[in-house]
């Protein structure tokens, strides 16, 4: 066999192996990938006080009362993925499906209150869950359920395609190649492979105790603000990069596209910052929910 044939065969083997690895991952359904969610929770845990960690552990003792033995809720990392786990039991938890996102058209002005009927969207549920968690008059298992929803949904709202949409269910309907890996979709790429690459990149570990200056830079705002940020990233970066055009609104976009290696490299720091922001902001939500004082006032949707 000649050198050219050997190289061609080897390239095919490598491509098949990479495809099998990535396509073997379970496709996230309307949620940031498992790995990204757990990392946001680990960041949050590293950046809350010892008192808050103790209060979280106390609530975790009530997990048996939730009646979800198939979905562990014994750590904050478990909490970050628990809402996706229980949603598989559709007859009981199917009503929560709409809570994981609040997409808004990137070609229209952003409206923080639209596409959220009856509070059934991710931004409203972050606020609702935070208020329930902060209410010490409620039973521990009710507050624990709210903690899990709050941690998970605060992560979800930071994934750009949970807010930005171009008539494609937040990129779910856009078949997109990821480098040499064919046949994924744009939403899944930002949920999984790109987020995972972003988390494992960088000179410093993404899970650590952040400095006050870093926390000030990454934190702040409320769920509506975070949704607007994600929508803006979708409008200014995700769609223009995926379709190689700055004008993503004047004409229909093709159903199939591809991210080059250069596109992926440019997206990594954006995805990494969103994971960091989610982790620090979850920490802020936890600290304020467990702080003594009056219940937080409801925020805008």
C-alpha atoms as a PDB file:
ATOM      1  CA  UNK A   1       0.000   0.000   0.000  1.00  0.00           C
ATOM      2  CA  UNK A   2       1.405   3.424  -0.990  1.00  0.00           C
ATOM      3  CA  UNK A   3       1.988   6.334   1.374  1.00  0.00           C
ATOM      4  CA  UNK A   4      -0.946   8.280  -0.067  1.00  0.00           C
ATOM      5  CA  UNK A   5      -3.333   5.355   0.455  1.00  0.00           C
ATOM      6  CA  UNK A   6      -2.056   4.862   3.995  1.00  0.00           C
ATOM      7  CA  UNK A   7      -2.577   8.558   4.828  1.00  0.00           C
ATOM      8  CA  UNK A   8      -6.059   8.473   3.335  1.00  0.00           C
ATOM      9  CA  UNK A   9      -6.978   5.368   5.296  1.00  0.00           C
ATOM     10  CA  UNK A  10      -5.532   6.797   8.501  1.00  0.00           C
ATOM     11  CA  UNK A  11      -7.482  10.032   8.036  1.00  0.00           C
ATOM     12  CA  UNK A  12     -10.681   8.040   7.617  1.00  0.00           C
ATOM     13  CA  UNK A  13      -9.969   6.096  10.805  1.00  0.00           C
ATOM     14  CA  UNK A  14      -9.306   9.290  12.781  1.00  0.00           C
ATOM     15  CA  UNK A  15     -12.472  10.931  11.435  1.00  0.00           C
ATOM     16  CA  UNK A  16     -14.559   7.876  12.292  1.00  0.00           C
ATOM     17  CA  UNK A  17     -13.107   7.754  15.796  1.00  0.00           C
ATOM     18  CA  UNK A  18     -13.781  11.438  16.477  1.00  0.00           C
ATOM     19  CA  UNK A  19     -17.293  11.165  15.083  1.00  0.00           C
ATOM     20  CA  UNK A  20     -18.017   8.131  17.235  1.00  0.00           C
ATOM     21  CA  UNK A  21     -16.724   9.907  20.311  1.00  0.00           C
ATOM     22  CA  UNK A  22     -18.762  13.065  19.842  1.00  0.00           C
ATOM     23  CA  UNK A  23     -21.871  11.466  18.391  1.00  0.00           C
ATOM     24  CA  UNK A  24     -21.832   8.972  21.235  1.00  0.00           C
ATOM     25  CA  UNK A  25     -22.500  11.717  23.744  1.00  0.00           C
ATOM     26  CA  UNK A  26     -26.168  12.001  24.757  1.00  0.00           C
ATOM     27  CA  UNK A  27     -27.676  14.969  22.966  1.00  0.00           C
ATOM     28  CA  UNK A  28     -28.776  17.651  25.433  1.00  0.00           C
ATOM     29  CA  UNK A  29     -32.453  18.544  25.075  1.00  0.00           C
ATOM     30  CA  UNK A  30     -33.015  22.265  25.624  1.00  0.00           C
ATOM     31  CA  UNK A  31     -30.312  22.375  28.295  1.00  0.00           C
ATOM     32  CA  UNK A  32     -26.683  23.204  28.712  1.00  0.00           C
ATOM     33  CA  UNK A  33     -24.687  20.015  28.595  1.00  0.00           C
ATOM     34  CA  UNK A  34     -24.153  17.849  31.697  1.00  0.00           C
ATOM     35  CA  UNK A  35     -20.472  18.777  31.971  1.00  0.00           C
ATOM     36  CA  UNK A  36     -21.054  22.532  31.715  1.00  0.00           C
ATOM     37  CA  UNK A  37     -23.859  22.500  34.277  1.00  0.00           C
ATOM     38  CA  UNK A  38     -21.780  20.610  36.826  1.00  0.00           C
ATOM     39  CA  UNK A  39     -18.857  22.989  36.326  1.00  0.00           C
ATOM     40  CA  UNK A  40     -21.054  26.039  36.947  1.00  0.00           C
ATOM     41  CA  UNK A  41     -22.142  24.410  40.203  1.00  0.00           C
ATOM     42  CA  UNK A  42     -18.554  23.642  41.195  1.00  0.00           C
ATOM     43  CA  UNK A  43     -17.594  27.274  40.536  1.00  0.00           C
ATOM     44  CA  UNK A  44     -20.522  28.438  42.646  1.00  0.00           C
ATOM     45  CA  UNK A  45     -19.634  26.100  45.504  1.00  0.00           C
ATOM     46  CA  UNK A  46     -16.042  27.353  45.500  1.00  0.00           C
ATOM     47  CA  UNK A  47     -17.246  30.955  45.752  1.00  0.00           C
ATOM     48  CA  UNK A  48     -19.866  30.867  48.504  1.00  0.00           C
ATOM     49  CA  UNK A  49     -19.266  31.190  52.210  1.00  0.00           C
ATOM     50  CA  UNK A  50     -18.844  28.236  54.568  1.00  0.00           C
ATOM     51  CA  UNK A  51     -22.166  29.200  56.148  1.00  0.00           C
ATOM     52  CA  UNK A  52     -23.977  28.958  52.829  1.00  0.00           C
ATOM     53  CA  UNK A  53     -22.373  25.595  52.068  1.00  0.00           C
ATOM     54  CA  UNK A  54     -23.572  24.325  55.444  1.00  0.00           C
ATOM     55  CA  UNK A  55     -27.128  25.493  54.756  1.00  0.00           C
ATOM     56  CA  UNK A  56     -27.084  23.781  51.370  1.00  0.00           C
ATOM     57  CA  UNK A  57     -25.967  20.515  52.995  1.00  0.00           C
ATOM     58  CA  UNK A  58     -28.786  20.855  55.519  1.00  0.00           C
ATOM     59  CA  UNK A  59     -31.374  21.141  52.752  1.00  0.00           C
ATOM     60  CA  UNK A  60     -29.899  18.140  50.945  1.00  0.00           C
ATOM     61  CA  UNK A  61     -30.969  15.942  53.853  1.00  0.00           C
ATOM     62  CA  UNK A  62     -34.562  16.361  52.634  1.00  0.00           C
ATOM     63  CA  UNK A  63     -33.939  14.805  49.221  1.00  0.00           C
ATOM     64  CA  UNK A  64     -35.858  11.596  50.019  1.00  0.00           C
ATOM     65  CA  UNK A  65     -39.052  13.634  50.416  1.00  0.00           C
ATOM     66  CA  UNK A  66     -38.857  14.680  46.757  1.00  0.00           C
ATOM     67  CA  UNK A  67     -39.622  11.128  45.653  1.00  0.00           C
ATOM     68  CA  UNK A  68     -37.017  11.093  42.859  1.00  0.00           C
ATOM     69  CA  UNK A  69     -34.670   8.220  43.816  1.00  0.00           C
ATOM     70  CA  UNK A  70     -33.631   7.842  40.182  1.00  0.00           C
ATOM     71  CA  UNK A  71     -32.262  11.415  40.237  1.00  0.00           C
ATOM     72  CA  UNK A  72     -29.745  12.095  43.000  1.00  0.00           C
ATOM     73  CA  UNK A  73     -29.869  15.432  44.797  1.00  0.00           C
ATOM     74  CA  UNK A  74     -27.191  15.131  47.442  1.00  0.00           C
ATOM     75  CA  UNK A  75     -24.753  17.806  46.237  1.00  0.00           C
ATOM     76  CA  UNK A  76     -24.910  21.131  44.471  1.00  0.00           C
ATOM     77  CA  UNK A  77     -23.400  19.392  41.431  1.00  0.00           C
ATOM     78  CA  UNK A  78     -26.369  17.006  41.473  1.00  0.00           C
ATOM     79  CA  UNK A  79     -28.665  20.024  41.748  1.00  0.00           C
ATOM     80  CA  UNK A  80     -27.208  21.488  38.556  1.00  0.00           C
ATOM     81  CA  UNK A  81     -28.460  18.536  36.469  1.00  0.00           C
ATOM     82  CA  UNK A  82     -31.442  17.315  38.544  1.00  0.00           C
ATOM     83  CA  UNK A  83     -34.067  19.269  36.518  1.00  0.00           C
ATOM     84  CA  UNK A  84     -32.902  17.552  33.318  1.00  0.00           C
ATOM     85  CA  UNK A  85     -32.957  14.162  35.027  1.00  0.00           C
ATOM     86  CA  UNK A  86     -36.489  14.417  36.424  1.00  0.00           C
ATOM     87  CA  UNK A  87     -37.841  15.809  33.152  1.00  0.00           C
ATOM     88  CA  UNK A  88     -37.376  12.374  31.609  1.00  0.00           C
ATOM     89  CA  UNK A  89     -40.380  11.297  33.689  1.00  0.00           C
ATOM     90  CA  UNK A  90     -42.725  13.232  31.452  1.00  0.00           C
ATOM     91  CA  UNK A  91     -45.987  12.272  33.144  1.00  0.00           C
ATOM     92  CA  UNK A  92     -44.795  13.944  36.332  1.00  0.00           C
ATOM     93  CA  UNK A  93     -42.345  16.651  35.281  1.00  0.00           C
ATOM     94  CA  UNK A  94     -43.176  17.363  31.644  1.00  0.00           C
ATOM     95  CA  UNK A  95     -44.727  20.708  32.555  1.00  0.00           C
ATOM     96  CA  UNK A  96     -41.250  22.021  33.394  1.00  0.00           C
ATOM     97  CA  UNK A  97     -39.929  21.661  29.813  1.00  0.00           C
ATOM     98  CA  UNK A  98     -40.664  25.294  28.902  1.00  0.00           C
ATOM     99  CA  UNK A  99     -38.804  26.501  31.983  1.00  0.00           C
ATOM    100  CA  UNK A 100     -35.378  25.748  30.482  1.00  0.00           C
ATOM    101  CA  UNK A 101     -35.269  28.532  27.856  1.00  0.00           C
ATOM    102  CA  UNK A 102     -36.788  31.796  26.670  1.00  0.00           C
ATOM    103  CA  UNK A 103     -35.812  32.293  23.069  1.00  0.00           C
ATOM    104  CA  UNK A 104     -36.202  35.673  21.426  1.00  0.00           C
ATOM    105  CA  UNK A 105     -35.781  36.459  17.698  1.00  0.00           C
ATOM    106  CA  UNK A 106     -32.359  37.948  17.057  1.00  0.00           C
ATOM    107  CA  UNK A 107     -33.808  40.023  14.213  1.00  0.00           C
ATOM    108  CA  UNK A 108     -36.252  41.866  16.461  1.00  0.00           C
ATOM    109  CA  UNK A 109     -35.735  44.232  19.370  1.00  0.00           C
ATOM    110  CA  UNK A 110     -35.139  42.360  22.626  1.00  0.00           C
ATOM    111  CA  UNK A 111     -38.142  42.288  24.950  1.00  0.00           C
ATOM    112  CA  UNK A 112     -37.429  40.824  28.385  1.00  0.00           C
ATOM    113  CA  UNK A 113     -41.124  40.124  28.995  1.00  0.00           C
ATOM    114  CA  UNK A 114     -42.066  38.334  25.772  1.00  0.00           C
ATOM    115  CA  UNK A 115     -42.351  34.584  25.143  1.00  0.00           C
ATOM    116  CA  UNK A 116     -42.934  33.822  28.817  1.00  0.00           C
ATOM    117  CA  UNK A 117     -46.649  33.025  29.220  1.00  0.00           C
ATOM    118  CA  UNK A 118     -47.620  32.600  32.837  1.00  0.00           C
ATOM    119  CA  UNK A 119     -43.991  32.738  33.943  1.00  0.00           C
ATOM    120  CA  UNK A 120     -43.186  29.559  32.011  1.00  0.00           C
ATOM    121  CA  UNK A 121     -39.682  30.479  30.864  1.00  0.00           C
ATOM    122  CA  UNK A 122     -36.174  30.308  32.208  1.00  0.00           C
ATOM    123  CA  UNK A 123     -35.752  33.884  33.413  1.00  0.00           C
ATOM    124  CA  UNK A 124     -39.014  33.901  35.364  1.00  0.00           C
ATOM    125  CA  UNK A 125     -38.241  30.518  36.912  1.00  0.00           C
ATOM    126  CA  UNK A 126     -34.827  31.660  38.144  1.00  0.00           C
ATOM    127  CA  UNK A 127     -36.554  34.435  40.066  1.00  0.00           C
ATOM    128  CA  UNK A 128     -39.400  32.249  41.302  1.00  0.00           C
ATOM    129  CA  UNK A 129     -37.026  29.555  42.514  1.00  0.00           C
ATOM    130  CA  UNK A 130     -34.829  32.105  44.257  1.00  0.00           C
ATOM    131  CA  UNK A 131     -37.796  33.499  46.164  1.00  0.00           C
ATOM    132  CA  UNK A 132     -38.947  30.020  47.244  1.00  0.00           C
ATOM    133  CA  UNK A 133     -35.428  29.074  48.348  1.00  0.00           C
ATOM    134  CA  UNK A 134     -35.176  32.247  50.425  1.00  0.00           C
ATOM    135  CA  UNK A 135     -38.462  31.567  52.286  1.00  0.00           C
ATOM    136  CA  UNK A 136     -37.479  29.750  55.476  1.00  0.00           C
ATOM    137  CA  UNK A 137     -41.147  29.205  56.391  1.00  0.00           C
ATOM    138  CA  UNK A 138     -41.433  26.599  53.632  1.00  0.00           C
ATOM    139  CA  UNK A 139     -40.549  22.912  54.142  1.00  0.00           C
ATOM    140  CA  UNK A 140     -36.974  21.946  53.396  1.00  0.00           C
ATOM    141  CA  UNK A 141     -37.855  19.642  50.481  1.00  0.00           C
ATOM    142  CA  UNK A 142     -39.777  22.450  48.759  1.00  0.00           C
ATOM    143  CA  UNK A 143     -36.792  24.757  49.154  1.00  0.00           C
ATOM    144  CA  UNK A 144     -34.428  22.018  47.983  1.00  0.00           C
ATOM    145  CA  UNK A 145     -36.430  21.537  44.787  1.00  0.00           C
ATOM    146  CA  UNK A 146     -36.285  25.317  44.250  1.00  0.00           C
ATOM    147  CA  UNK A 147     -32.520  25.295  44.819  1.00  0.00           C
ATOM    148  CA  UNK A 148     -32.057  22.685  42.112  1.00  0.00           C
ATOM    149  CA  UNK A 149     -34.245  24.556  39.651  1.00  0.00           C
ATOM    150  CA  UNK A 150     -32.503  27.853  40.409  1.00  0.00           C
ATOM    151  CA  UNK A 151     -28.979  26.456  39.992  1.00  0.00           C
ATOM    152  CA  UNK A 152     -29.883  24.687  36.755  1.00  0.00           C
ATOM    153  CA  UNK A 153     -31.868  27.496  35.163  1.00  0.00           C
ATOM    154  CA  UNK A 154     -29.283  30.137  36.053  1.00  0.00           C
ATOM    155  CA  UNK A 155     -26.883  27.975  34.054  1.00  0.00           C
ATOM    156  CA  UNK A 156     -29.307  27.546  31.166  1.00  0.00           C
ATOM    157  CA  UNK A 157     -29.901  31.252  30.679  1.00  0.00           C
ATOM    158  CA  UNK A 158     -26.177  31.811  30.139  1.00  0.00           C
ATOM    159  CA  UNK A 159     -26.023  29.506  27.104  1.00  0.00           C
ATOM    160  CA  UNK A 160     -26.482  31.932  24.181  1.00  0.00           C
ATOM    161  CA  UNK A 161     -28.909  29.776  22.192  1.00  0.00           C
ATOM    162  CA  UNK A 162     -31.312  29.504  25.121  1.00  0.00           C
ATOM    163  CA  UNK A 163     -32.082  33.154  24.384  1.00  0.00           C
ATOM    164  CA  UNK A 164     -31.197  33.865  20.746  1.00  0.00           C
ATOM    165  CA  UNK A 165     -33.224  32.369  17.912  1.00  0.00           C
ATOM    166  CA  UNK A 166     -33.431  32.671  14.121  1.00  0.00           C
ATOM    167  CA  UNK A 167     -36.622  30.703  13.428  1.00  0.00           C
ATOM    168  CA  UNK A 168     -34.777  27.468  14.225  1.00  0.00           C
ATOM    169  CA  UNK A 169     -35.573  26.615  17.869  1.00  0.00           C
ATOM    170  CA  UNK A 170     -32.366  28.198  19.110  1.00  0.00           C
ATOM    171  CA  UNK A 171     -30.201  26.500  16.508  1.00  0.00           C
ATOM    172  CA  UNK A 172     -31.681  23.021  16.982  1.00  0.00           C
ATOM    173  CA  UNK A 173     -32.897  22.977  13.387  1.00  0.00           C
ATOM    174  CA  UNK A 174     -29.566  24.068  11.868  1.00  0.00           C
ATOM    175  CA  UNK A 175     -27.452  21.080  10.887  1.00  0.00           C
ATOM    176  CA  UNK A 176     -23.888  22.154  11.588  1.00  0.00           C
ATOM    177  CA  UNK A 177     -20.537  20.472  11.138  1.00  0.00           C
ATOM    178  CA  UNK A 178     -18.136  20.922  14.048  1.00  0.00           C
ATOM    179  CA  UNK A 179     -14.718  21.090  12.423  1.00  0.00           C
ATOM    180  CA  UNK A 180     -14.212  17.666  10.832  1.00  0.00           C
ATOM    181  CA  UNK A 181     -17.219  16.205  12.664  1.00  0.00           C
ATOM    182  CA  UNK A 182     -20.347  16.286  10.473  1.00  0.00           C
ATOM    183  CA  UNK A 183     -24.038  16.258  11.180  1.00  0.00           C
ATOM    184  CA  UNK A 184     -24.456  17.955  14.563  1.00  0.00           C
ATOM    185  CA  UNK A 185     -26.652  20.987  15.100  1.00  0.00           C
ATOM    186  CA  UNK A 186     -25.760  24.519  16.142  1.00  0.00           C
ATOM    187  CA  UNK A 187     -27.523  24.301  19.503  1.00  0.00           C
ATOM    188  CA  UNK A 188     -25.885  21.027  20.461  1.00  0.00           C
ATOM    189  CA  UNK A 189     -22.435  22.349  19.558  1.00  0.00           C
ATOM    190  CA  UNK A 190     -22.789  25.285  21.964  1.00  0.00           C
ATOM    191  CA  UNK A 191     -24.358  22.979  24.576  1.00  0.00           C
ATOM    192  CA  UNK A 192     -21.715  20.293  24.450  1.00  0.00           C
ATOM    193  CA  UNK A 193     -18.481  20.154  22.426  1.00  0.00           C
ATOM    194  CA  UNK A 194     -17.753  23.890  22.399  1.00  0.00           C
ATOM    195  CA  UNK A 195     -18.615  24.361  26.081  1.00  0.00           C
ATOM    196  CA  UNK A 196     -16.499  21.362  27.038  1.00  0.00           C
ATOM    197  CA  UNK A 197     -13.529  22.631  25.043  1.00  0.00           C
ATOM    198  CA  UNK A 198     -13.928  26.051  26.652  1.00  0.00           C
ATOM    199  CA  UNK A 199     -14.008  24.587  30.163  1.00  0.00           C
ATOM    200  CA  UNK A 200     -10.857  22.558  29.651  1.00  0.00           C
ATOM    201  CA  UNK A 201      -8.970  25.421  27.953  1.00  0.00           C
ATOM    202  CA  UNK A 202      -7.278  28.366  29.608  1.00  0.00           C
ATOM    203  CA  UNK A 203      -4.175  28.895  31.663  1.00  0.00           C
ATOM    204  CA  UNK A 204      -5.970  28.597  35.016  1.00  0.00           C
ATOM    205  CA  UNK A 205      -8.539  26.035  36.204  1.00  0.00           C
ATOM    206  CA  UNK A 206     -12.065  27.237  35.652  1.00  0.00           C
ATOM    207  CA  UNK A 207     -13.133  25.896  39.062  1.00  0.00           C
ATOM    208  CA  UNK A 208     -11.397  27.932  41.747  1.00  0.00           C
ATOM    209  CA  UNK A 209     -11.962  30.653  44.307  1.00  0.00           C
ATOM    210  CA  UNK A 210     -12.159  33.826  42.222  1.00  0.00           C
ATOM    211  CA  UNK A 211     -10.698  37.110  43.421  1.00  0.00           C
ATOM    212  CA  UNK A 212     -13.004  39.990  44.416  1.00  0.00           C
ATOM    213  CA  UNK A 213     -12.040  41.787  41.201  1.00  0.00           C
ATOM    214  CA  UNK A 214     -12.875  38.724  39.098  1.00  0.00           C
ATOM    215  CA  UNK A 215     -16.202  38.268  40.873  1.00  0.00           C
ATOM    216  CA  UNK A 216     -17.073  41.913  40.308  1.00  0.00           C
ATOM    217  CA  UNK A 217     -16.277  41.533  36.612  1.00  0.00           C
ATOM    218  CA  UNK A 218     -18.199  38.275  36.135  1.00  0.00           C
ATOM    219  CA  UNK A 219     -21.129  38.769  38.489  1.00  0.00           C
ATOM    220  CA  UNK A 220     -24.072  41.097  38.860  1.00  0.00           C
ATOM    221  CA  UNK A 221     -27.375  41.603  37.093  1.00  0.00           C
ATOM    222  CA  UNK A 222     -30.549  39.559  37.199  1.00  0.00           C
ATOM    223  CA  UNK A 223     -31.973  36.788  35.040  1.00  0.00           C
ATOM    224  CA  UNK A 224     -33.422  39.228  32.500  1.00  0.00           C
ATOM    225  CA  UNK A 225     -30.023  40.877  32.115  1.00  0.00           C
ATOM    226  CA  UNK A 226     -28.351  37.485  31.597  1.00  0.00           C
ATOM    227  CA  UNK A 227     -30.923  36.563  28.977  1.00  0.00           C
ATOM    228  CA  UNK A 228     -30.271  39.806  27.133  1.00  0.00           C
ATOM    229  CA  UNK A 229     -26.526  39.075  27.190  1.00  0.00           C
ATOM    230  CA  UNK A 230     -27.085  35.623  25.696  1.00  0.00           C
ATOM    231  CA  UNK A 231     -29.421  37.016  23.045  1.00  0.00           C
ATOM    232  CA  UNK A 232     -26.832  39.658  22.142  1.00  0.00           C
ATOM    233  CA  UNK A 233     -24.075  37.019  21.801  1.00  0.00           C
ATOM    234  CA  UNK A 234     -26.329  34.975  19.548  1.00  0.00           C
ATOM    235  CA  UNK A 235     -27.080  38.018  17.403  1.00  0.00           C
ATOM    236  CA  UNK A 236     -23.544  39.419  17.207  1.00  0.00           C
ATOM    237  CA  UNK A 237     -21.428  36.242  17.207  1.00  0.00           C
ATOM    238  CA  UNK A 238     -23.109  32.828  17.118  1.00  0.00           C
ATOM    239  CA  UNK A 239     -25.195  33.236  13.959  1.00  0.00           C
ATOM    240  CA  UNK A 240     -22.833  35.558  12.020  1.00  0.00           C
ATOM    241  CA  UNK A 241     -19.929  33.189  12.696  1.00  0.00           C
ATOM    242  CA  UNK A 242     -21.878  30.050  11.839  1.00  0.00           C
ATOM    243  CA  UNK A 243     -23.090  31.479   8.528  1.00  0.00           C
ATOM    244  CA  UNK A 244     -20.121  33.688   7.592  1.00  0.00           C
ATOM    245  CA  UNK A 245     -22.172  36.853   7.303  1.00  0.00           C
ATOM    246  CA  UNK A 246     -22.735  39.930   9.419  1.00  0.00           C
ATOM    247  CA  UNK A 247     -26.212  40.315   7.939  1.00  0.00           C
ATOM    248  CA  UNK A 248     -28.125  37.327   9.304  1.00  0.00           C
ATOM    249  CA  UNK A 249     -31.515  39.019   9.133  1.00  0.00           C
ATOM    250  CA  UNK A 250     -32.013  40.187   5.553  1.00  0.00           C
ATOM    251  CA  UNK A 251     -32.390  36.740   3.969  1.00  0.00           C
ATOM    252  CA  UNK A 252     -33.166  33.165   4.897  1.00  0.00           C
ATOM    253  CA  UNK A 253     -30.234  31.231   6.294  1.00  0.00           C
ATOM    254  CA  UNK A 254     -29.377  27.785   4.937  1.00  0.00           C
ATOM    255  CA  UNK A 255     -30.503  24.816   6.979  1.00  0.00           C
ATOM    256  CA  UNK A 256     -26.979  23.382   6.949  1.00  0.00           C
ATOM    257  CA  UNK A 257     -23.672  25.061   7.741  1.00  0.00           C
ATOM    258  CA  UNK A 258     -20.274  24.389   9.324  1.00  0.00           C
ATOM    259  CA  UNK A 259     -17.968  25.794  11.976  1.00  0.00           C
ATOM    260  CA  UNK A 260     -14.350  25.882  10.894  1.00  0.00           C
ATOM    261  CA  UNK A 261     -11.497  25.340  13.313  1.00  0.00           C
ATOM    262  CA  UNK A 262     -10.966  29.109  13.297  1.00  0.00           C
ATOM    263  CA  UNK A 263     -14.636  29.669  14.188  1.00  0.00           C
ATOM    264  CA  UNK A 264     -14.336  27.215  17.066  1.00  0.00           C
ATOM    265  CA  UNK A 265     -11.194  28.869  18.444  1.00  0.00           C
ATOM    266  CA  UNK A 266     -12.930  32.266  18.354  1.00  0.00           C
ATOM    267  CA  UNK A 267     -15.920  30.858  20.194  1.00  0.00           C
ATOM    268  CA  UNK A 268     -13.980  29.223  23.024  1.00  0.00           C
ATOM    269  CA  UNK A 269     -13.318  32.348  25.164  1.00  0.00           C
ATOM    270  CA  UNK A 270     -16.936  33.449  24.771  1.00  0.00           C
ATOM    271  CA  UNK A 271     -18.252  30.078  25.905  1.00  0.00           C
ATOM    272  CA  UNK A 272     -15.725  29.955  28.755  1.00  0.00           C
ATOM    273  CA  UNK A 273     -16.759  33.365  30.054  1.00  0.00           C
ATOM    274  CA  UNK A 274     -20.428  32.369  30.001  1.00  0.00           C
ATOM    275  CA  UNK A 275     -19.654  29.319  32.159  1.00  0.00           C
ATOM    276  CA  UNK A 276     -17.659  31.483  34.562  1.00  0.00           C
ATOM    277  CA  UNK A 277     -20.388  34.114  34.718  1.00  0.00           C
ATOM    278  CA  UNK A 278     -23.004  31.468  35.403  1.00  0.00           C
ATOM    279  CA  UNK A 279     -20.964  29.983  38.242  1.00  0.00           C
ATOM    280  CA  UNK A 280     -20.294  33.312  39.950  1.00  0.00           C
ATOM    281  CA  UNK A 281     -23.877  34.481  39.541  1.00  0.00           C
ATOM    282  CA  UNK A 282     -25.214  31.206  40.958  1.00  0.00           C
ATOM    283  CA  UNK A 283     -22.958  31.834  43.949  1.00  0.00           C
ATOM    284  CA  UNK A 284     -24.491  35.294  44.335  1.00  0.00           C
ATOM    285  CA  UNK A 285     -28.013  33.850  44.131  1.00  0.00           C
ATOM    286  CA  UNK A 286     -27.210  31.281  46.793  1.00  0.00           C
ATOM    287  CA  UNK A 287     -25.653  33.822  49.134  1.00  0.00           C
ATOM    288  CA  UNK A 288     -28.589  36.208  48.841  1.00  0.00           C
ATOM    289  CA  UNK A 289     -31.162  33.421  49.246  1.00  0.00           C
ATOM    290  CA  UNK A 290     -29.591  32.188  52.463  1.00  0.00           C
ATOM    291  CA  UNK A 291     -28.846  35.646  53.862  1.00  0.00           C
ATOM    292  CA  UNK A 292     -30.951  36.692  56.854  1.00  0.00           C
ATOM    293  CA  UNK A 293     -33.455  39.444  56.219  1.00  0.00           C
ATOM    294  CA  UNK A 294     -36.696  40.082  54.297  1.00  0.00           C
ATOM    295  CA  UNK A 295     -37.647  38.035  51.265  1.00  0.00           C
ATOM    296  CA  UNK A 296     -36.267  39.373  47.982  1.00  0.00           C
ATOM    297  CA  UNK A 297     -38.691  41.398  45.935  1.00  0.00           C
ATOM    298  CA  UNK A 298     -39.820  39.822  42.641  1.00  0.00           C
ATOM    299  CA  UNK A 299     -37.767  41.116  39.718  1.00  0.00           C
ATOM    300  CA  UNK A 300     -38.875  41.913  36.190  1.00  0.00           C
ATOM    301  CA  UNK A 301     -39.315  39.004  33.768  1.00  0.00           C
END
